PDB file of N, CA and C in Angstrom:
ATOM      1  N   MET A   1      16.607   0.978  -0.389  1.00  0.00           N
ATOM      2  CA  MET A   1      15.362   0.689   0.267  1.00  0.00           C
ATOM      3  C   MET A   1      15.523  -0.495   1.232  1.00  0.00           C
ATOM      4  N   PHE A   2      16.401  -1.409   0.912  1.00  0.00           N
ATOM      5  CA  PHE A   2      16.615  -2.574   1.782  1.00  0.00           C
ATOM      6  C   PHE A   2      17.993  -2.486   2.406  1.00  0.00           C
ATOM      7  N   PRO A   3      18.194  -3.071   3.532  1.00  0.00           N
ATOM      8  CA  PRO A   3      17.232  -3.879   4.281  1.00  0.00           C
ATOM      9  C   PRO A   3      16.170  -3.009   4.942  1.00  0.00           C
ATOM     10  N   LEU A   4      14.986  -3.553   5.043  1.00  0.00           N
ATOM     11  CA  LEU A   4      13.890  -2.913   5.764  1.00  0.00           C
ATOM     12  C   LEU A   4      13.931  -3.446   7.184  1.00  0.00           C
ATOM     13  N   ARG A   5      14.061  -2.526   8.138  1.00  0.00           N
ATOM     14  CA  ARG A   5      14.151  -2.928   9.550  1.00  0.00           C
ATOM     15  C   ARG A   5      12.991  -2.315  10.331  1.00  0.00           C
ATOM     16  N   ILE A   6      12.244  -3.169  10.997  1.00  0.00           N
ATOM     17  CA  ILE A   6      11.145  -2.731  11.849  1.00  0.00           C
ATOM     18  C   ILE A   6      11.500  -3.163  13.266  1.00  0.00           C
ATOM     19  N   ALA A   7      11.453  -2.215  14.199  1.00  0.00           N
ATOM     20  CA  ALA A   7      11.814  -2.524  15.584  1.00  0.00           C
ATOM     21  C   ALA A   7      10.748  -1.988  16.534  1.00  0.00           C
ATOM     22  N   ALA A   8      10.210  -2.868  17.354  1.00  0.00           N
ATOM     23  CA  ALA A   8       9.247  -2.520  18.403  1.00  0.00           C
ATOM     24  C   ALA A   8       8.073  -1.701  17.865  1.00  0.00           C
ATOM     25  N   LEU A   9       7.624  -2.017  16.661  1.00  0.00           N
ATOM     26  CA  LEU A   9       6.541  -1.263  16.023  1.00  0.00           C
ATOM     27  C   LEU A   9       5.244  -1.421  16.807  1.00  0.00           C
ATOM     28  N   ARG A  10       4.574  -0.293  17.004  1.00  0.00           N
ATOM     29  CA  ARG A  10       3.325  -0.281  17.759  1.00  0.00           C
ATOM     30  C   ARG A  10       2.295   0.565  17.025  1.00  0.00           C
ATOM     31  N   PHE A  11       1.078   0.037  16.955  1.00  0.00           N
ATOM     32  CA  PHE A  11      -0.051   0.781  16.412  1.00  0.00           C
ATOM     33  C   PHE A  11      -1.234   0.511  17.321  1.00  0.00           C
ATOM     34  N   ALA A  12      -1.738   1.573  17.960  1.00  0.00           N
ATOM     35  CA  ALA A  12      -2.832   1.435  18.934  1.00  0.00           C
ATOM     36  C   ALA A  12      -3.781   2.618  18.799  1.00  0.00           C
ATOM     37  N   PRO A  13      -4.643   2.601  17.784  1.00  0.00           N
ATOM     38  CA  PRO A  13      -5.578   3.718  17.630  1.00  0.00           C
ATOM     39  C   PRO A  13      -6.584   3.756  18.779  1.00  0.00           C
ATOM     40  N   GLU A  14      -6.761   4.942  19.341  1.00  0.00           N
ATOM     41  CA  GLU A  14      -7.684   5.163  20.460  1.00  0.00           C
ATOM     42  C   GLU A  14      -7.438   4.183  21.611  1.00  0.00           C
ATOM     43  N   GLY A  15      -6.163   3.798  21.799  1.00  0.00           N
ATOM     44  CA  GLY A  15      -5.787   2.924  22.904  1.00  0.00           C
ATOM     45  C   GLY A  15      -5.980   1.439  22.646  1.00  0.00           C
ATOM     46  N   ARG A  16      -6.576   1.073  21.515  1.00  0.00           N
ATOM     47  CA  ARG A  16      -6.797  -0.344  21.182  1.00  0.00           C
ATOM     48  C   ARG A  16      -5.570  -0.872  20.453  1.00  0.00           C
ATOM     49  N   VAL A  17      -4.831  -1.778  21.072  1.00  0.00           N
ATOM     50  CA  VAL A  17      -3.580  -2.281  20.505  1.00  0.00           C
ATOM     51  C   VAL A  17      -3.875  -3.218  19.331  1.00  0.00           C
ATOM     52  N   VAL A  18      -3.330  -2.860  18.172  1.00  0.00           N
ATOM     53  CA  VAL A  18      -3.476  -3.685  16.973  1.00  0.00           C
ATOM     54  C   VAL A  18      -2.160  -4.404  16.689  1.00  0.00           C
ATOM     55  N   LEU A  19      -1.065  -3.669  16.741  1.00  0.00           N
ATOM     56  CA  LEU A  19       0.282  -4.243  16.624  1.00  0.00           C
ATOM     57  C   LEU A  19       1.099  -3.747  17.808  1.00  0.00           C
ATOM     58  N   ASP A  20       1.885  -4.642  18.386  1.00  0.00           N
ATOM     59  CA  ASP A  20       2.675  -4.255  19.556  1.00  0.00           C
ATOM     60  C   ASP A  20       4.003  -4.997  19.556  1.00  0.00           C
ATOM     61  N   GLU A  21       5.078  -4.233  19.655  1.00  0.00           N
ATOM     62  CA  GLU A  21       6.433  -4.802  19.743  1.00  0.00           C
ATOM     63  C   GLU A  21       6.782  -5.703  18.554  1.00  0.00           C
ATOM     64  N   LEU A  22       6.387  -5.283  17.348  1.00  0.00           N
ATOM     65  CA  LEU A  22       6.686  -6.062  16.143  1.00  0.00           C
ATOM     66  C   LEU A  22       8.111  -5.781  15.695  1.00  0.00           C
ATOM     67  N   ASP A  23       8.898  -6.832  15.537  1.00  0.00           N
ATOM     68  CA  ASP A  23      10.267  -6.742  15.024  1.00  0.00           C
ATOM     69  C   ASP A  23      10.352  -7.563  13.744  1.00  0.00           C
ATOM     70  N   LEU A  24      10.999  -6.982  12.709  1.00  0.00           N
ATOM     71  CA  LEU A  24      11.104  -7.661  11.418  1.00  0.00           C
ATOM     72  C   LEU A  24      12.261  -7.071  10.639  1.00  0.00           C
ATOM     73  N   VAL A  25      13.017  -7.926   9.960  1.00  0.00           N
ATOM     74  CA  VAL A  25      14.069  -7.468   9.051  1.00  0.00           C
ATOM     75  C   VAL A  25      13.877  -8.190   7.723  1.00  0.00           C
ATOM     76  N   LEU A  26      13.762  -7.417   6.640  1.00  0.00           N
ATOM     77  CA  LEU A  26      13.676  -7.971   5.296  1.00  0.00           C
ATOM     78  C   LEU A  26      14.918  -7.535   4.527  1.00  0.00           C
ATOM     79  N   ALA A  27      15.672  -8.503   4.044  1.00  0.00           N
ATOM     80  CA  ALA A  27      16.922  -8.195   3.353  1.00  0.00           C
ATOM     81  C   ALA A  27      16.708  -7.762   1.914  1.00  0.00           C
ATOM     82  N   GLY A  28      15.563  -8.062   1.339  1.00  0.00           N
ATOM     83  CA  GLY A  28      15.303  -7.671  -0.034  1.00  0.00           C
ATOM     84  C   GLY A  28      15.643  -8.739  -1.049  1.00  0.00           C
ATOM     85  N   GLU A  29      16.003  -9.901  -0.579  1.00  0.00           N
ATOM     86  CA  GLU A  29      16.323 -10.999  -1.483  1.00  0.00           C
ATOM     87  C   GLU A  29      15.151 -11.970  -1.499  1.00  0.00           C
ATOM     88  N   GLY A  30      14.766 -12.419  -2.669  1.00  0.00           N
ATOM     89  CA  GLY A  30      13.678 -13.379  -2.768  1.00  0.00           C
ATOM     90  C   GLY A  30      12.330 -12.729  -2.557  1.00  0.00           C
ATOM     91  N   ILE A  31      11.369 -13.558  -2.210  1.00  0.00           N
ATOM     92  CA  ILE A  31       9.993 -13.108  -2.014  1.00  0.00           C
ATOM     93  C   ILE A  31       9.643 -13.257  -0.541  1.00  0.00           C
ATOM     94  N   SER A  32       9.008 -12.236   0.007  1.00  0.00           N
ATOM     95  CA  SER A  32       8.550 -12.285   1.396  1.00  0.00           C
ATOM     96  C   SER A  32       7.036 -12.317   1.409  1.00  0.00           C
ATOM     97  N   VAL A  33       6.472 -13.080   2.331  1.00  0.00           N
ATOM     98  CA  VAL A  33       5.024 -13.223   2.450  1.00  0.00           C
ATOM     99  C   VAL A  33       4.622 -12.936   3.891  1.00  0.00           C
ATOM    100  N   ILE A  34       3.556 -12.170   4.058  1.00  0.00           N
ATOM    101  CA  ILE A  34       3.015 -11.913   5.382  1.00  0.00           C
ATOM    102  C   ILE A  34       1.756 -12.755   5.505  1.00  0.00           C
ATOM    103  N   LEU A  35       1.783 -13.710   6.420  1.00  0.00           N
ATOM    104  CA  LEU A  35       0.654 -14.615   6.630  1.00  0.00           C
ATOM    105  C   LEU A  35       0.073 -14.427   8.017  1.00  0.00           C
ATOM    106  N   GLY A  36      -1.216 -14.612   8.122  1.00  0.00           N
ATOM    107  CA  GLY A  36      -1.866 -14.557   9.425  1.00  0.00           C
ATOM    108  C   GLY A  36      -3.363 -14.636   9.256  1.00  0.00           C
ATOM    109  N   PRO A  37      -4.069 -14.940  10.333  1.00  0.00           N
ATOM    110  CA  PRO A  37      -5.529 -15.028  10.256  1.00  0.00           C
ATOM    111  C   PRO A  37      -6.163 -13.651  10.047  1.00  0.00           C
ATOM    112  N   ASN A  38      -7.439 -13.648   9.702  1.00  0.00           N
ATOM    113  CA  ASN A  38      -8.180 -12.396   9.554  1.00  0.00           C
ATOM    114  C   ASN A  38      -8.067 -11.574  10.833  1.00  0.00           C
ATOM    115  N   GLY A  39      -7.841 -10.284  10.665  1.00  0.00           N
ATOM    116  CA  GLY A  39      -7.792  -9.398  11.813  1.00  0.00           C
ATOM    117  C   GLY A  39      -6.490  -9.399  12.577  1.00  0.00           C
ATOM    118  N   SER A  40      -5.458 -10.061  12.040  1.00  0.00           N
ATOM    119  CA  SER A  40      -4.189 -10.133  12.783  1.00  0.00           C
ATOM    120  C   SER A  40      -3.282  -8.927  12.544  1.00  0.00           C
ATOM    121  N   GLY A  41      -3.634  -8.041  11.598  1.00  0.00           N
ATOM    122  CA  GLY A  41      -2.855  -6.820  11.398  1.00  0.00           C
ATOM    123  C   GLY A  41      -2.000  -6.791  10.143  1.00  0.00           C
ATOM    124  N   LYS A  42      -2.207  -7.705   9.213  1.00  0.00           N
ATOM    125  CA  LYS A  42      -1.391  -7.741   7.988  1.00  0.00           C
ATOM    126  C   LYS A  42      -1.557  -6.459   7.173  1.00  0.00           C
ATOM    127  N   THR A  43      -2.791  -6.071   6.929  1.00  0.00           N
ATOM    128  CA  THR A  43      -3.049  -4.860   6.146  1.00  0.00           C
ATOM    129  C   THR A  43      -2.613  -3.621   6.908  1.00  0.00           C
ATOM    130  N   VAL A  44      -2.808  -3.612   8.208  1.00  0.00           N
ATOM    131  CA  VAL A  44      -2.362  -2.490   9.031  1.00  0.00           C
ATOM    132  C   VAL A  44      -0.848  -2.328   8.906  1.00  0.00           C
ATOM    133  N   LEU A  45      -0.115  -3.420   8.953  1.00  0.00           N
ATOM    134  CA  LEU A  45       1.343  -3.358   8.799  1.00  0.00           C
ATOM    135  C   LEU A  45       1.715  -2.746   7.455  1.00  0.00           C
ATOM    136  N   LEU A  46       1.074  -3.184   6.387  1.00  0.00           N
ATOM    137  CA  LEU A  46       1.376  -2.639   5.059  1.00  0.00           C
ATOM    138  C   LEU A  46       1.027  -1.154   4.975  1.00  0.00           C
ATOM    139  N   ARG A  47      -0.068  -0.762   5.583  1.00  0.00           N
ATOM    140  CA  ARG A  47      -0.439   0.661   5.579  1.00  0.00           C
ATOM    141  C   ARG A  47       0.540   1.497   6.408  1.00  0.00           C
ATOM    142  N   LEU A  48       1.038   0.939   7.501  1.00  0.00           N
ATOM    143  CA  LEU A  48       2.066   1.637   8.278  1.00  0.00           C
ATOM    144  C   LEU A  48       3.339   1.807   7.450  1.00  0.00           C
ATOM    145  N   LEU A  49       3.739   0.755   6.753  1.00  0.00           N
ATOM    146  CA  LEU A  49       4.940   0.826   5.922  1.00  0.00           C
ATOM    147  C   LEU A  49       4.785   1.844   4.788  1.00  0.00           C
ATOM    148  N   ALA A  50       3.569   1.940   4.248  1.00  0.00           N
ATOM    149  CA  ALA A  50       3.314   2.882   3.151  1.00  0.00           C
ATOM    150  C   ALA A  50       3.131   4.315   3.644  1.00  0.00           C
ATOM    151  N   GLY A  51       3.078   4.499   4.963  1.00  0.00           N
ATOM    152  CA  GLY A  51       2.896   5.841   5.507  1.00  0.00           C
ATOM    153  C   GLY A  51       1.447   6.297   5.509  1.00  0.00           C
ATOM    154  N   LEU A  52       0.511   5.375   5.332  1.00  0.00           N
ATOM    155  CA  LEU A  52      -0.902   5.733   5.307  1.00  0.00           C
ATOM    156  C   LEU A  52      -1.512   5.785   6.702  1.00  0.00           C
ATOM    157  N   LEU A  53      -0.820   5.206   7.676  1.00  0.00           N
ATOM    158  CA  LEU A  53      -1.251   5.260   9.073  1.00  0.00           C
ATOM    159  C   LEU A  53      -0.072   5.733   9.921  1.00  0.00           C
ATOM    160  N   PRO A  54      -0.347   6.430  11.020  1.00  0.00           N
ATOM    161  CA  PRO A  54       0.747   6.900  11.877  1.00  0.00           C
ATOM    162  C   PRO A  54       1.276   5.780  12.771  1.00  0.00           C
ATOM    163  N   VAL A  55       2.583   5.733  12.915  1.00  0.00           N
ATOM    164  CA  VAL A  55       3.224   4.779  13.818  1.00  0.00           C
ATOM    165  C   VAL A  55       3.107   5.332  15.232  1.00  0.00           C
ATOM    166  N   HIS A  56       2.626   4.523  16.159  1.00  0.00           N
ATOM    167  CA  HIS A  56       2.466   4.973  17.543  1.00  0.00           C
ATOM    168  C   HIS A  56       3.655   4.628  18.428  1.00  0.00           C
ATOM    169  N   GLY A  57       4.586   3.865  17.902  1.00  0.00           N
ATOM    170  CA  GLY A  57       5.779   3.525  18.658  1.00  0.00           C
ATOM    171  C   GLY A  57       6.690   2.656  17.826  1.00  0.00           C
ATOM    172  N   GLY A  58       7.971   2.658  18.152  1.00  0.00           N
ATOM    173  CA  GLY A  58       8.934   1.864  17.415  1.00  0.00           C
ATOM    174  C   GLY A  58       9.469   2.601  16.204  1.00  0.00           C
ATOM    175  N   THR A  59      10.223   1.881  15.382  1.00  0.00           N
ATOM    176  CA  THR A  59      10.868   2.506  14.228  1.00  0.00           C
ATOM    177  C   THR A  59      10.720   1.639  12.983  1.00  0.00           C
ATOM    178  N   ILE A  60      10.696   2.335  11.854  1.00  0.00           N
ATOM    179  CA  ILE A  60      10.758   1.708  10.536  1.00  0.00           C
ATOM    180  C   ILE A  60      11.914   2.365   9.815  1.00  0.00           C
ATOM    181  N   VAL A  61      12.891   1.566   9.388  1.00  0.00           N
ATOM    182  CA  VAL A  61      14.067   2.111   8.698  1.00  0.00           C
ATOM    183  C   VAL A  61      14.202   1.411   7.348  1.00  0.00           C
ATOM    184  N   TRP A  62      14.182   2.202   6.288  1.00  0.00           N
ATOM    185  CA  TRP A  62      14.322   1.722   4.916  1.00  0.00           C
ATOM    186  C   TRP A  62      15.779   1.922   4.505  1.00  0.00           C
ATOM    187  N   GLY A  63      16.568   0.875   4.491  1.00  0.00           N
ATOM    188  CA  GLY A  63      17.991   1.038   4.199  1.00  0.00           C
ATOM    189  C   GLY A  63      18.618   1.829   5.321  1.00  0.00           C
ATOM    190  N   ASP A  64      18.989   3.065   5.028  1.00  0.00           N
ATOM    191  CA  ASP A  64      19.549   3.952   6.049  1.00  0.00           C
ATOM    192  C   ASP A  64      18.669   5.172   6.291  1.00  0.00           C
ATOM    193  N   ALA A  65      17.407   5.128   5.848  1.00  0.00           N
ATOM    194  CA  ALA A  65      16.553   6.312   5.925  1.00  0.00           C
ATOM    195  C   ALA A  65      15.217   5.985   6.597  1.00  0.00           C
ATOM    196  N   ALA A  66      14.556   7.051   7.064  1.00  0.00           N
ATOM    197  CA  ALA A  66      13.247   6.881   7.694  1.00  0.00           C
ATOM    198  C   ALA A  66      12.140   6.698   6.658  1.00  0.00           C
ATOM    199  N   GLN A  67      12.389   7.134   5.423  1.00  0.00           N
ATOM    200  CA  GLN A  67      11.434   7.000   4.328  1.00  0.00           C
ATOM    201  C   GLN A  67      12.065   6.184   3.211  1.00  0.00           C
ATOM    202  N   PRO A  68      11.269   5.445   2.435  1.00  0.00           N
ATOM    203  CA  PRO A  68      11.846   4.678   1.333  1.00  0.00           C
ATOM    204  C   PRO A  68      12.378   5.591   0.241  1.00  0.00           C
ATOM    205  N   ALA A  69      13.475   5.187  -0.382  1.00  0.00           N
ATOM    206  CA  ALA A  69      14.017   5.942  -1.508  1.00  0.00           C
ATOM    207  C   ALA A  69      13.155   5.640  -2.727  1.00  0.00           C
ATOM    208  N   GLY A  70      12.767   6.653  -3.448  1.00  0.00           N
ATOM    209  CA  GLY A  70      11.944   6.437  -4.637  1.00  0.00           C
ATOM    210  C   GLY A  70      10.478   6.337  -4.297  1.00  0.00           C
ATOM    211  N   ARG A  71       9.752   5.735  -5.200  1.00  0.00           N
ATOM    212  CA  ARG A  71       8.299   5.649  -5.071  1.00  0.00           C
ATOM    213  C   ARG A  71       7.880   4.361  -4.371  1.00  0.00           C
ATOM    214  N   LEU A  72       6.752   4.445  -3.700  1.00  0.00           N
ATOM    215  CA  LEU A  72       6.189   3.309  -2.999  1.00  0.00           C
ATOM    216  C   LEU A  72       4.708   3.250  -3.352  1.00  0.00           C
ATOM    217  N   ALA A  73       4.207   2.072  -3.660  1.00  0.00           N
ATOM    218  CA  ALA A  73       2.798   1.928  -4.023  1.00  0.00           C
ATOM    219  C   ALA A  73       2.169   0.816  -3.203  1.00  0.00           C
ATOM    220  N   MET A  74       0.853   0.906  -3.061  1.00  0.00           N
ATOM    221  CA  MET A  74       0.108  -0.123  -2.346  1.00  0.00           C
ATOM    222  C   MET A  74      -1.159  -0.423  -3.117  1.00  0.00           C
ATOM    223  N   VAL A  75      -1.442  -1.688  -3.289  1.00  0.00           N
ATOM    224  CA  VAL A  75      -2.680  -2.110  -3.928  1.00  0.00           C
ATOM    225  C   VAL A  75      -3.639  -2.501  -2.806  1.00  0.00           C
ATOM    226  N   PHE A  76      -4.781  -1.847  -2.766  1.00  0.00           N
ATOM    227  CA  PHE A  76      -5.737  -2.082  -1.692  1.00  0.00           C
ATOM    228  C   PHE A  76      -6.520  -3.366  -1.924  1.00  0.00           C
ATOM    229  N   GLN A  77      -7.099  -3.894  -0.867  1.00  0.00           N
ATOM    230  CA  GLN A  77      -7.872  -5.128  -0.953  1.00  0.00           C
ATOM    231  C   GLN A  77      -9.134  -4.943  -1.785  1.00  0.00           C
ATOM    232  N   GLN A  78      -9.739  -3.774  -1.722  1.00  0.00           N
ATOM    233  CA  GLN A  78     -10.929  -3.476  -2.516  1.00  0.00           C
ATOM    234  C   GLN A  78     -10.515  -2.620  -3.698  1.00  0.00           C
ATOM    235  N   PRO A  79     -10.729  -3.087  -4.942  1.00  0.00           N
ATOM    236  CA  PRO A  79     -10.331  -2.288  -6.110  1.00  0.00           C
ATOM    237  C   PRO A  79     -11.122  -0.982  -6.163  1.00  0.00           C
ATOM    238  N   MET A  80     -10.439   0.079  -6.547  1.00  0.00           N
ATOM    239  CA  MET A  80     -11.070   1.398  -6.596  1.00  0.00           C
ATOM    240  C   MET A  80     -10.624   2.122  -7.850  1.00  0.00           C
ATOM    241  N   LEU A  81     -11.498   2.940  -8.394  1.00  0.00           N
ATOM    242  CA  LEU A  81     -11.161   3.853  -9.478  1.00  0.00           C
ATOM    243  C   LEU A  81     -11.499   5.256  -9.008  1.00  0.00           C
ATOM    244  N   PRO A  82     -10.682   6.234  -9.414  1.00  0.00           N
ATOM    245  CA  PRO A  82     -11.000   7.609  -9.015  1.00  0.00           C
ATOM    246  C   PRO A  82     -12.325   8.038  -9.635  1.00  0.00           C
ATOM    247  N   ARG A  83     -13.037   8.884  -8.926  1.00  0.00           N
ATOM    248  CA  ARG A  83     -14.330   9.371  -9.427  1.00  0.00           C
ATOM    249  C   ARG A  83     -14.122  10.617 -10.272  1.00  0.00           C
ATOM    250  N   GLN A  84     -13.543  10.411 -11.440  1.00  0.00           N
ATOM    251  CA  GLN A  84     -13.340  11.501 -12.382  1.00  0.00           C
ATOM    252  C   GLN A  84     -14.320  11.294 -13.534  1.00  0.00           C
ATOM    253  N   PRO A  85     -15.222  12.255 -13.764  1.00  0.00           N
ATOM    254  CA  PRO A  85     -16.250  12.066 -14.792  1.00  0.00           C
ATOM    255  C   PRO A  85     -15.672  11.690 -16.156  1.00  0.00           C
ATOM    256  N   ARG A  86     -14.573  12.327 -16.543  1.00  0.00           N
ATOM    257  CA  ARG A  86     -14.002  12.044 -17.859  1.00  0.00           C
ATOM    258  C   ARG A  86     -13.525  10.588 -17.937  1.00  0.00           C
ATOM    259  N   LEU A  87     -12.883  10.097 -16.872  1.00  0.00           N
ATOM    260  CA  LEU A  87     -12.405   8.722 -16.852  1.00  0.00           C
ATOM    261  C   LEU A  87     -13.569   7.745 -16.935  1.00  0.00           C
ATOM    262  N   TRP A  88     -14.628   7.995 -16.149  1.00  0.00           N
ATOM    263  CA  TRP A  88     -15.794   7.107 -16.177  1.00  0.00           C
ATOM    264  C   TRP A  88     -16.435   7.097 -17.556  1.00  0.00           C
ATOM    265  N   LEU A  89     -16.529   8.263 -18.184  1.00  0.00           N
ATOM    266  CA  LEU A  89     -17.117   8.336 -19.512  1.00  0.00           C
ATOM    267  C   LEU A  89     -16.274   7.545 -20.509  1.00  0.00           C
ATOM    268  N   CYS A  90     -14.968   7.702 -20.438  1.00  0.00           N
ATOM    269  CA  CYS A  90     -14.072   6.977 -21.348  1.00  0.00           C
ATOM    270  C   CYS A  90     -14.210   5.465 -21.157  1.00  0.00           C
ATOM    271  N   LEU A  91     -14.247   5.024 -19.906  1.00  0.00           N
ATOM    272  CA  LEU A  91     -14.384   3.591 -19.648  1.00  0.00           C
ATOM    273  C   LEU A  91     -15.726   3.061 -20.122  1.00  0.00           C
ATOM    274  N   LYS A  92     -16.770   3.841 -19.924  1.00  0.00           N
ATOM    275  CA  LYS A  92     -18.097   3.414 -20.350  1.00  0.00           C
ATOM    276  C   LYS A  92     -18.157   3.322 -21.872  1.00  0.00           C
ATOM    277  N   LEU A  93     -17.652   4.339 -22.542  1.00  0.00           N
ATOM    278  CA  LEU A  93     -17.669   4.329 -24.004  1.00  0.00           C
ATOM    279  C   LEU A  93     -16.750   3.253 -24.564  1.00  0.00           C
ATOM    280  N   TYR A  94     -15.626   3.036 -23.886  1.00  0.00           N
ATOM    281  CA  TYR A  94     -14.676   2.030 -24.361  1.00  0.00           C
ATOM    282  C   TYR A  94     -15.294   0.637 -24.362  1.00  0.00           C
ATOM    283  N   SER A  95     -16.219   0.417 -23.443  1.00  0.00           N
ATOM    284  CA  SER A  95     -16.861  -0.896 -23.380  1.00  0.00           C
ATOM    285  C   SER A  95     -17.786  -1.131 -24.569  1.00  0.00           C
ATOM    286  N   GLN A  96     -18.118  -0.080 -25.262  1.00  0.00           N
ATOM    287  CA  GLN A  96     -18.953  -0.210 -26.460  1.00  0.00           C
ATOM    288  C   GLN A  96     -18.026  -0.283 -27.675  1.00  0.00           C
ATOM    289  N   GLN A  97     -18.053  -1.369 -28.387  1.00  0.00           N
ATOM    290  CA  GLN A  97     -17.117  -1.679 -29.467  1.00  0.00           C
ATOM    291  C   GLN A  97     -16.948  -0.531 -30.472  1.00  0.00           C
ATOM    292  N   ALA A  98     -18.008   0.136 -30.852  1.00  0.00           N
ATOM    293  CA  ALA A  98     -17.958   1.138 -31.923  1.00  0.00           C
ATOM    294  C   ALA A  98     -17.060   2.322 -31.571  1.00  0.00           C
ATOM    295  N   TYR A  99     -16.890   2.634 -30.280  1.00  0.00           N
ATOM    296  CA  TYR A  99     -16.142   3.823 -29.880  1.00  0.00           C
ATOM    297  C   TYR A  99     -14.696   3.545 -29.492  1.00  0.00           C
ATOM    298  N   ARG A 100     -14.254   2.305 -29.530  1.00  0.00           N
ATOM    299  CA  ARG A 100     -12.915   1.976 -29.029  1.00  0.00           C
ATOM    300  C   ARG A 100     -11.805   2.734 -29.732  1.00  0.00           C
ATOM    301  N   SER A 101     -11.831   2.829 -31.031  1.00  0.00           N
ATOM    302  CA  SER A 101     -10.740   3.521 -31.735  1.00  0.00           C
ATOM    303  C   SER A 101     -10.761   5.014 -31.438  1.00  0.00           C
ATOM    304  N   ASP A 102     -11.953   5.622 -31.333  1.00  0.00           N
ATOM    305  CA  ASP A 102     -12.038   7.055 -31.022  1.00  0.00           C
ATOM    306  C   ASP A 102     -11.475   7.362 -29.633  1.00  0.00           C
ATOM    307  N   ILE A 103     -11.815   6.541 -28.663  1.00  0.00           N
ATOM    308  CA  ILE A 103     -11.342   6.777 -27.299  1.00  0.00           C
ATOM    309  C   ILE A 103      -9.851   6.519 -27.194  1.00  0.00           C
ATOM    310  N   SER A 104      -9.363   5.462 -27.826  1.00  0.00           N
ATOM    311  CA  SER A 104      -7.932   5.184 -27.797  1.00  0.00           C
ATOM    312  C   SER A 104      -7.141   6.351 -28.369  1.00  0.00           C
ATOM    313  N   ASP A 105      -7.649   6.946 -29.450  1.00  0.00           N
ATOM    314  CA  ASP A 105      -6.980   8.101 -30.061  1.00  0.00           C
ATOM    315  C   ASP A 105      -7.006   9.299 -29.135  1.00  0.00           C
ATOM    316  N   SER A 106      -8.133   9.546 -28.433  1.00  0.00           N
ATOM    317  CA  SER A 106      -8.238  10.715 -27.573  1.00  0.00           C
ATOM    318  C   SER A 106      -7.428  10.589 -26.302  1.00  0.00           C
ATOM    319  N   LEU A 107      -7.126   9.358 -25.877  1.00  0.00           N
ATOM    320  CA  LEU A 107      -6.345   9.167 -24.662  1.00  0.00           C
ATOM    321  C   LEU A 107      -4.841   9.265 -24.914  1.00  0.00           C
ATOM    322  N   ARG A 108      -4.437   9.285 -26.138  1.00  0.00           N
ATOM    323  CA  ARG A 108      -2.988   9.363 -26.443  1.00  0.00           C
ATOM    324  C   ARG A 108      -2.469  10.761 -26.268  1.00  0.00           C
TER     325      ARG A 108
END
């Protein structure tokens, strides 16, 4: 997966430039942090890397491949749970002390 190489990355939905000519190399050692003011494109960059948005120009290379090897996950800024009735029911019942053991058994 590493090194991650980004060259001349561009994202311009409907002609509005959000990221332009971004170059970055991450070797995979240590911790990397993306810092910037609100609206500077940090989340957009992460969504581009995760494949959730289309790249409008430039390249992203994961090691020697266009896609990362293995699984890739992203935690969104706003927490979300899937709208599955069974899951919501289990969570609601689990919050009530009397049903915790029954729900734990049924989820196994």
